[in-house]
């Protein structure tokens, strides 16, 4: 399983859990599994994640492969800003 760190704004969707475990051979499969277990979670995630301290944008994006024991931190989608 892959350890997934859940950011504070998304924890209500995971029952308050700061970390969950999920399976997936790629980041995309992992996100699909998380969304299956926690409906609507994937839609609240900006497709940016860090796998083992590496930004997936500089790896293979959502097709970045994962192995058992890997750690993924997800970043919540946030909109807005100052004008």
PDB file of N, CA and C in Angstrom:
ATOM      1  N   UNK A   1       0.844  -1.194   0.000  1.00  0.00           N
ATOM      2  CA  UNK A   1       0.000   0.000   0.000  1.00  0.00           C
ATOM      3  C   UNK A   1       0.881   1.247   0.000  1.00  0.00           C
ATOM      4  N   UNK A   2       0.297   2.341  -0.441  1.00  0.00           N
ATOM      5  CA  UNK A   2       0.969   3.636  -0.484  1.00  0.00           C
ATOM      6  C   UNK A   2       0.372   4.498   0.626  1.00  0.00           C
ATOM      7  N   UNK A   3       1.218   5.177   1.381  1.00  0.00           N
ATOM      8  CA  UNK A   3       0.749   6.087   2.421  1.00  0.00           C
ATOM      9  C   UNK A   3       0.443   7.427   1.766  1.00  0.00           C
ATOM     10  N   UNK A   4      -0.762   7.939   2.004  1.00  0.00           N
ATOM     11  CA  UNK A   4      -1.197   9.202   1.408  1.00  0.00           C
ATOM     12  C   UNK A   4      -1.445  10.206   2.524  1.00  0.00           C
ATOM     13  N   UNK A   5      -0.744  11.324   2.476  1.00  0.00           N
ATOM     14  CA  UNK A   5      -0.944  12.394   3.445  1.00  0.00           C
ATOM     15  C   UNK A   5      -2.091  13.283   2.967  1.00  0.00           C
ATOM     16  N   UNK A   6      -3.061  13.469   3.831  1.00  0.00           N
ATOM     17  CA  UNK A   6      -4.252  14.246   3.496  1.00  0.00           C
ATOM     18  C   UNK A   6      -4.113  15.643   4.109  1.00  0.00           C
ATOM     19  N   UNK A   7      -4.211  16.698   3.289  1.00  0.00           N
ATOM     20  CA  UNK A   7      -4.105  18.058   3.833  1.00  0.00           C
ATOM     21  C   UNK A   7      -5.323  18.398   4.692  1.00  0.00           C
ATOM     22  N   UNK A   8      -5.120  19.269   5.643  1.00  0.00           N
ATOM     23  CA  UNK A   8      -6.159  19.628   6.614  1.00  0.00           C
ATOM     24  C   UNK A   8      -7.501  19.973   5.977  1.00  0.00           C
ATOM     25  N   UNK A   9      -7.562  20.787   4.898  1.00  0.00           N
ATOM     26  CA  UNK A   9      -8.884  21.133   4.350  1.00  0.00           C
ATOM     27  C   UNK A   9      -9.663  19.937   3.792  1.00  0.00           C
ATOM     28  N   UNK A  10      -8.980  18.831   3.479  1.00  0.00           N
ATOM     29  CA  UNK A  10      -9.665  17.666   2.909  1.00  0.00           C
ATOM     30  C   UNK A  10      -9.927  16.568   3.938  1.00  0.00           C
ATOM     31  N   UNK A  11      -9.465  16.738   5.136  1.00  0.00           N
ATOM     32  CA  UNK A  11      -9.620  15.693   6.153  1.00  0.00           C
ATOM     33  C   UNK A  11     -11.071  15.383   6.509  1.00  0.00           C
ATOM     34  N   UNK A  12     -11.998  16.345   6.458  1.00  0.00           N
ATOM     35  CA  UNK A  12     -13.394  15.969   6.722  1.00  0.00           C
ATOM     36  C   UNK A  12     -13.896  14.887   5.751  1.00  0.00           C
ATOM     37  N   UNK A  13     -13.345  14.843   4.558  1.00  0.00           N
ATOM     38  CA  UNK A  13     -13.769  13.844   3.574  1.00  0.00           C
ATOM     39  C   UNK A  13     -13.220  12.453   3.891  1.00  0.00           C
ATOM     40  N   UNK A  14     -12.174  12.391   4.728  1.00  0.00           N
ATOM     41  CA  UNK A  14     -11.583  11.097   5.094  1.00  0.00           C
ATOM     42  C   UNK A  14     -11.858  10.760   6.555  1.00  0.00           C
ATOM     43  N   UNK A  15     -12.917  11.344   7.103  1.00  0.00           N
ATOM     44  CA  UNK A  15     -13.255  11.073   8.487  1.00  0.00           C
ATOM     45  C   UNK A  15     -12.254  11.644   9.466  1.00  0.00           C
ATOM     46  N   UNK A  16     -11.558  12.702   9.060  1.00  0.00           N
ATOM     47  CA  UNK A  16     -10.591  13.351   9.931  1.00  0.00           C
ATOM     48  C   UNK A  16      -9.197  12.759   9.888  1.00  0.00           C
ATOM     49  N   UNK A  17      -9.003  11.751   9.077  1.00  0.00           N
ATOM     50  CA  UNK A  17      -7.698  11.094   9.019  1.00  0.00           C
ATOM     51  C   UNK A  17      -6.655  11.964   8.313  1.00  0.00           C
ATOM     52  N   UNK A  18      -5.488  12.082   8.913  1.00  0.00           N
ATOM     53  CA  UNK A  18      -4.391  12.841   8.325  1.00  0.00           C
ATOM     54  C   UNK A  18      -3.617  11.999   7.319  1.00  0.00           C
ATOM     55  N   UNK A  19      -3.675  10.686   7.458  1.00  0.00           N
ATOM     56  CA  UNK A  19      -3.024   9.763   6.521  1.00  0.00           C
ATOM     57  C   UNK A  19      -3.947   8.581   6.280  1.00  0.00           C
ATOM     58  N   UNK A  20      -3.957   8.138   5.032  1.00  0.00           N
ATOM     59  CA  UNK A  20      -4.690   6.932   4.670  1.00  0.00           C
ATOM     60  C   UNK A  20      -3.760   6.079   3.824  1.00  0.00           C
ATOM     61  N   UNK A  21      -4.088   4.811   3.698  1.00  0.00           N
ATOM     62  CA  UNK A  21      -3.340   3.939   2.800  1.00  0.00           C
ATOM     63  C   UNK A  21      -4.247   3.553   1.656  1.00  0.00           C
ATOM     64  N   UNK A  22      -3.674   3.470   0.473  1.00  0.00           N
ATOM     65  CA  UNK A  22      -4.429   3.090  -0.710  1.00  0.00           C
ATOM     66  C   UNK A  22      -3.481   2.373  -1.666  1.00  0.00           C
ATOM     67  N   UNK A  23      -4.069   1.722  -2.651  1.00  0.00           N
ATOM     68  CA  UNK A  23      -3.276   0.996  -3.636  1.00  0.00           C
ATOM     69  C   UNK A  23      -3.389   1.676  -4.987  1.00  0.00           C
ATOM     70  N   UNK A  24      -2.367   1.499  -5.787  1.00  0.00           N
ATOM     71  CA  UNK A  24      -2.357   2.013  -7.148  1.00  0.00           C
ATOM     72  C   UNK A  24      -0.962   1.879  -7.722  1.00  0.00           C
ATOM     73  N   UNK A  25      -0.887   1.437  -8.957  1.00  0.00           N
ATOM     74  CA  UNK A  25       0.422   1.305  -9.595  1.00  0.00           C
ATOM     75  C   UNK A  25       0.940   2.635 -10.111  1.00  0.00           C
ATOM     76  N   UNK A  26       0.029   3.618 -10.259  1.00  0.00           N
ATOM     77  CA  UNK A  26       0.405   4.971 -10.683  1.00  0.00           C
ATOM     78  C   UNK A  26      -0.344   5.967  -9.809  1.00  0.00           C
ATOM     79  N   UNK A  27       0.053   7.228  -9.878  1.00  0.00           N
ATOM     80  CA  UNK A  27      -0.649   8.268  -9.132  1.00  0.00           C
ATOM     81  C   UNK A  27      -2.107   8.330  -9.574  1.00  0.00           C
ATOM     82  N   UNK A  28      -2.381   8.187 -10.869  1.00  0.00           N
ATOM     83  CA  UNK A  28      -3.764   8.219 -11.357  1.00  0.00           C
ATOM     84  C   UNK A  28      -4.590   7.100 -10.732  1.00  0.00           C
ATOM     85  N   UNK A  29      -4.057   5.878 -10.709  1.00  0.00           N
ATOM     86  CA  UNK A  29      -4.786   4.764 -10.111  1.00  0.00           C
ATOM     87  C   UNK A  29      -5.005   5.003  -8.618  1.00  0.00           C
ATOM     88  N   UNK A  30      -4.030   5.580  -7.958  1.00  0.00           N
ATOM     89  CA  UNK A  30      -4.159   5.903  -6.544  1.00  0.00           C
ATOM     90  C   UNK A  30      -5.289   6.905  -6.331  1.00  0.00           C
ATOM     91  N   UNK A  31      -5.348   7.956  -7.154  1.00  0.00           N
ATOM     92  CA  UNK A  31      -6.409   8.958  -7.044  1.00  0.00           C
ATOM     93  C   UNK A  31      -7.783   8.346  -7.299  1.00  0.00           C
ATOM     94  N   UNK A  32      -7.860   7.436  -8.254  1.00  0.00           N
ATOM     95  CA  UNK A  32      -9.142   6.760  -8.527  1.00  0.00           C
ATOM     96  C   UNK A  32      -9.582   5.930  -7.324  1.00  0.00           C
ATOM     97  N   UNK A  33      -8.629   5.235  -6.704  1.00  0.00           N
ATOM     98  CA  UNK A  33      -8.943   4.435  -5.516  1.00  0.00           C
ATOM     99  C   UNK A  33      -9.402   5.331  -4.365  1.00  0.00           C
ATOM    100  N   UNK A  34      -8.706   6.441  -4.167  1.00  0.00           N
ATOM    101  CA  UNK A  34      -9.106   7.373  -3.105  1.00  0.00           C
ATOM    102  C   UNK A  34     -10.513   7.909  -3.358  1.00  0.00           C
ATOM    103  N   UNK A  35     -10.821   8.226  -4.619  1.00  0.00           N
ATOM    104  CA  UNK A  35     -12.142   8.765  -4.944  1.00  0.00           C
ATOM    105  C   UNK A  35     -13.223   7.704  -4.775  1.00  0.00           C
ATOM    106  N   UNK A  36     -12.880   6.450  -5.008  1.00  0.00           N
ATOM    107  CA  UNK A  36     -13.845   5.363  -4.805  1.00  0.00           C
ATOM    108  C   UNK A  36     -14.163   5.242  -3.311  1.00  0.00           C
ATOM    109  N   UNK A  37     -13.139   5.315  -2.481  1.00  0.00           N
ATOM    110  CA  UNK A  37     -13.319   5.175  -1.037  1.00  0.00           C
ATOM    111  C   UNK A  37     -13.884   6.421  -0.384  1.00  0.00           C
ATOM    112  N   UNK A  38     -13.509   7.580  -0.920  1.00  0.00           N
ATOM    113  CA  UNK A  38     -13.941   8.868  -0.371  1.00  0.00           C
ATOM    114  C   UNK A  38     -14.533   9.683  -1.514  1.00  0.00           C
ATOM    115  N   UNK A  39     -15.805   9.396  -1.886  1.00  0.00           N
ATOM    116  CA  UNK A  39     -16.413  10.040  -3.050  1.00  0.00           C
ATOM    117  C   UNK A  39     -16.279  11.563  -3.034  1.00  0.00           C
ATOM    118  N   UNK A  40     -15.839  12.090  -4.176  1.00  0.00           N
ATOM    119  CA  UNK A  40     -15.685  13.529  -4.350  1.00  0.00           C
ATOM    120  C   UNK A  40     -14.301  14.047  -4.008  1.00  0.00           C
ATOM    121  N   UNK A  41     -13.470  13.217  -3.371  1.00  0.00           N
ATOM    122  CA  UNK A  41     -12.137  13.666  -2.968  1.00  0.00           C
ATOM    123  C   UNK A  41     -11.282  14.053  -4.171  1.00  0.00           C
ATOM    124  N   UNK A  42     -11.288  13.236  -5.211  1.00  0.00           N
ATOM    125  CA  UNK A  42     -10.434  13.510  -6.367  1.00  0.00           C
ATOM    126  C   UNK A  42     -10.770  14.842  -7.025  1.00  0.00           C
ATOM    127  N   UNK A  43     -12.036  15.222  -7.004  1.00  0.00           N
ATOM    128  CA  UNK A  43     -12.437  16.493  -7.591  1.00  0.00           C
ATOM    129  C   UNK A  43     -11.967  17.699  -6.801  1.00  0.00           C
ATOM    130  N   UNK A  44     -11.531  17.470  -5.584  1.00  0.00           N
ATOM    131  CA  UNK A  44     -11.053  18.560  -4.738  1.00  0.00           C
ATOM    132  C   UNK A  44      -9.527  18.634  -4.726  1.00  0.00           C
ATOM    133  N   UNK A  45      -8.894  17.776  -5.535  1.00  0.00           N
ATOM    134  CA  UNK A  45      -7.434  17.732  -5.568  1.00  0.00           C
ATOM    135  C   UNK A  45      -6.924  18.378  -6.845  1.00  0.00           C
ATOM    136  N   UNK A  46      -6.069  19.365  -6.698  1.00  0.00           N
ATOM    137  CA  UNK A  46      -5.339  19.920  -7.830  1.00  0.00           C
ATOM    138  C   UNK A  46      -4.382  18.822  -8.247  1.00  0.00           C
ATOM    139  N   UNK A  47      -4.293  18.524  -9.539  1.00  0.00           N
ATOM    140  CA  UNK A  47      -3.469  17.396  -9.957  1.00  0.00           C
ATOM    141  C   UNK A  47      -2.005  17.764  -9.821  1.00  0.00           C
ATOM    142  N   UNK A  48      -1.628  17.875  -8.573  1.00  0.00           N
ATOM    143  CA  UNK A  48      -0.243  18.111  -8.198  1.00  0.00           C
ATOM    144  C   UNK A  48      -0.040  17.286  -6.948  1.00  0.00           C
ATOM    145  N   UNK A  49       0.956  16.516  -6.947  1.00  0.00           N
ATOM    146  CA  UNK A  49       1.234  15.676  -5.789  1.00  0.00           C
ATOM    147  C   UNK A  49       2.737  15.512  -5.676  1.00  0.00           C
ATOM    148  N   UNK A  50       3.124  15.092  -4.523  1.00  0.00           N
ATOM    149  CA  UNK A  50       4.531  14.831  -4.270  1.00  0.00           C
ATOM    150  C   UNK A  50       4.642  13.362  -3.912  1.00  0.00           C
ATOM    151  N   UNK A  51       5.435  12.632  -4.674  1.00  0.00           N
ATOM    152  CA  UNK A  51       5.673  11.214  -4.411  1.00  0.00           C
ATOM    153  C   UNK A  51       7.105  11.056  -3.935  1.00  0.00           C
ATOM    154  N   UNK A  52       7.259  10.605  -2.714  1.00  0.00           N
ATOM    155  CA  UNK A  52       8.597  10.410  -2.144  1.00  0.00           C
ATOM    156  C   UNK A  52       9.445  11.667  -2.263  1.00  0.00           C
ATOM    157  N   UNK A  53       8.851  12.804  -1.908  1.00  0.00           N
ATOM    158  CA  UNK A  53       9.519  14.111  -1.899  1.00  0.00           C
ATOM    159  C   UNK A  53       9.880  14.639  -3.279  1.00  0.00           C
ATOM    160  N   UNK A  54       9.318  14.073  -4.342  1.00  0.00           N
ATOM    161  CA  UNK A  54       9.547  14.556  -5.711  1.00  0.00           C
ATOM    162  C   UNK A  54       8.225  15.038  -6.284  1.00  0.00           C
ATOM    163  N   UNK A  55       8.203  16.260  -6.816  1.00  0.00           N
ATOM    164  CA  UNK A  55       7.007  16.809  -7.456  1.00  0.00           C
ATOM    165  C   UNK A  55       6.729  15.992  -8.714  1.00  0.00           C
ATOM    166  N   UNK A  56       5.521  15.399  -8.804  1.00  0.00           N
ATOM    167  CA  UNK A  56       5.229  14.527  -9.944  1.00  0.00           C
ATOM    168  C   UNK A  56       5.218  15.272 -11.272  1.00  0.00           C
ATOM    169  N   UNK A  57       5.089  16.607 -11.240  1.00  0.00           N
ATOM    170  CA  UNK A  57       5.144  17.368 -12.497  1.00  0.00           C
ATOM    171  C   UNK A  57       6.491  17.197 -13.181  1.00  0.00           C
ATOM    172  N   UNK A  58       7.526  16.910 -12.390  1.00  0.00           N
ATOM    173  CA  UNK A  58       8.868  16.752 -12.938  1.00  0.00           C
ATOM    174  C   UNK A  58       9.233  15.285 -13.116  1.00  0.00           C
ATOM    175  N   UNK A  59       8.277  14.405 -12.854  1.00  0.00           N
ATOM    176  CA  UNK A  59       8.468  12.974 -13.081  1.00  0.00           C
ATOM    177  C   UNK A  59       7.620  12.607 -14.296  1.00  0.00           C
ATOM    178  N   UNK A  60       6.600  11.783 -14.091  1.00  0.00           N
ATOM    179  CA  UNK A  60       5.722  11.385 -15.198  1.00  0.00           C
ATOM    180  C   UNK A  60       4.287  11.834 -14.969  1.00  0.00           C
ATOM    181  N   UNK A  61       4.128  12.904 -14.194  1.00  0.00           N
ATOM    182  CA  UNK A  61       2.786  13.415 -13.931  1.00  0.00           C
ATOM    183  C   UNK A  61       1.928  12.370 -13.247  1.00  0.00           C
ATOM    184  N   UNK A  62       0.650  12.318 -13.608  1.00  0.00           N
ATOM    185  CA  UNK A  62      -0.249  11.356 -12.967  1.00  0.00           C
ATOM    186  C   UNK A  62       0.067   9.923 -13.357  1.00  0.00           C
ATOM    187  N   UNK A  63       0.935   9.737 -14.337  1.00  0.00           N
ATOM    188  CA  UNK A  63       1.365   8.392 -14.721  1.00  0.00           C
ATOM    189  C   UNK A  63       2.626   7.946 -13.969  1.00  0.00           C
ATOM    190  N   UNK A  64       3.060   8.745 -12.977  1.00  0.00           N
ATOM    191  CA  UNK A  64       4.224   8.385 -12.175  1.00  0.00           C
ATOM    192  C   UNK A  64       3.956   7.056 -11.479  1.00  0.00           C
ATOM    193  N   UNK A  65       4.837   6.077 -11.656  1.00  0.00           N
ATOM    194  CA  UNK A  65       4.629   4.779 -11.002  1.00  0.00           C
ATOM    195  C   UNK A  65       4.843   4.862  -9.495  1.00  0.00           C
ATOM    196  N   UNK A  66       4.107   4.006  -8.787  1.00  0.00           N
ATOM    197  CA  UNK A  66       4.208   3.910  -7.339  1.00  0.00           C
ATOM    198  C   UNK A  66       4.500   2.469  -6.945  1.00  0.00           C
ATOM    199  N   UNK A  67       5.153   2.314  -5.786  1.00  0.00           N
ATOM    200  CA  UNK A  67       5.445   0.985  -5.243  1.00  0.00           C
ATOM    201  C   UNK A  67       4.940   0.932  -3.802  1.00  0.00           C
ATOM    202  N   UNK A  68       4.758  -0.275  -3.305  1.00  0.00           N
ATOM    203  CA  UNK A  68       4.398  -0.429  -1.897  1.00  0.00           C
ATOM    204  C   UNK A  68       5.402   0.306  -1.036  1.00  0.00           C
ATOM    205  N   UNK A  69       4.899   1.007  -0.053  1.00  0.00           N
ATOM    206  CA  UNK A  69       5.764   1.740   0.853  1.00  0.00           C
ATOM    207  C   UNK A  69       6.032   3.171   0.445  1.00  0.00           C
ATOM    208  N   UNK A  70       5.662   3.555  -0.785  1.00  0.00           N
ATOM    209  CA  UNK A  70       5.837   4.942  -1.210  1.00  0.00           C
ATOM    210  C   UNK A  70       4.923   5.840  -0.387  1.00  0.00           C
ATOM    211  N   UNK A  71       5.270   7.120  -0.364  1.00  0.00           N
ATOM    212  CA  UNK A  71       4.457   8.114   0.321  1.00  0.00           C
ATOM    213  C   UNK A  71       4.072   9.205  -0.661  1.00  0.00           C
ATOM    214  N   UNK A  72       2.797   9.591  -0.633  1.00  0.00           N
ATOM    215  CA  UNK A  72       2.279  10.619  -1.530  1.00  0.00           C
ATOM    216  C   UNK A  72       1.604  11.698  -0.693  1.00  0.00           C
ATOM    217  N   UNK A  73       1.924  12.947  -0.973  1.00  0.00           N
ATOM    218  CA  UNK A  73       1.244  14.081  -0.363  1.00  0.00           C
ATOM    219  C   UNK A  73       0.422  14.752  -1.447  1.00  0.00           C
ATOM    220  N   UNK A  74      -0.845  14.994  -1.155  1.00  0.00           N
ATOM    221  CA  UNK A  74      -1.694  15.643  -2.152  1.00  0.00           C
ATOM    222  C   UNK A  74      -1.913  17.095  -1.771  1.00  0.00           C
ATOM    223  N   UNK A  75      -2.227  17.892  -2.764  1.00  0.00           N
ATOM    224  CA  UNK A  75      -2.405  19.329  -2.581  1.00  0.00           C
ATOM    225  C   UNK A  75      -3.848  19.659  -2.943  1.00  0.00           C
ATOM    226  N   UNK A  76      -4.587  20.313  -2.035  1.00  0.00           N
ATOM    227  CA  UNK A  76      -5.985  20.616  -2.335  1.00  0.00           C
ATOM    228  C   UNK A  76      -6.095  21.704  -3.402  1.00  0.00           C
ATOM    229  N   UNK A  77      -7.186  21.605  -4.185  1.00  0.00           N
ATOM    230  CA  UNK A  77      -7.478  22.644  -5.173  1.00  0.00           C
ATOM    231  C   UNK A  77      -7.927  23.893  -4.427  1.00  0.00           C
ATOM    232  N   UNK A  78      -7.276  24.999  -4.695  1.00  0.00           N
ATOM    233  CA  UNK A  78      -7.622  26.252  -4.045  1.00  0.00           C
ATOM    234  C   UNK A  78      -7.751  27.315  -5.135  1.00  0.00           C
ATOM    235  N   UNK A  79      -8.846  28.043  -5.108  1.00  0.00           N
ATOM    236  CA  UNK A  79      -9.066  29.094  -6.093  1.00  0.00           C
ATOM    237  C   UNK A  79      -9.122  30.439  -5.389  1.00  0.00           C
ATOM    238  N   UNK A  80      -8.933  31.459  -6.155  1.00  0.00           N
ATOM    239  CA  UNK A  80      -9.064  32.803  -5.608  1.00  0.00           C
ATOM    240  C   UNK A  80      -7.745  33.491  -5.483  1.00  0.00           C
ATOM    241  N   UNK A  81      -7.772  34.622  -4.843  1.00  0.00           N
ATOM    242  CA  UNK A  81      -6.553  35.395  -4.666  1.00  0.00           C
ATOM    243  C   UNK A  81      -6.887  36.875  -4.636  1.00  0.00           C
ATOM    244  N   UNK A  82      -5.904  37.664  -4.416  1.00  0.00           N
ATOM    245  CA  UNK A  82      -6.076  39.114  -4.349  1.00  0.00           C
ATOM    246  C   UNK A  82      -6.143  39.702  -5.742  1.00  0.00           C
ATOM    247  N   UNK A  83      -6.860  40.783  -5.848  1.00  0.00           N
ATOM    248  CA  UNK A  83      -6.919  41.500  -7.128  1.00  0.00           C
ATOM    249  C   UNK A  83      -6.098  42.740  -7.058  1.00  0.00           C
TER     250      UNK A  83
END
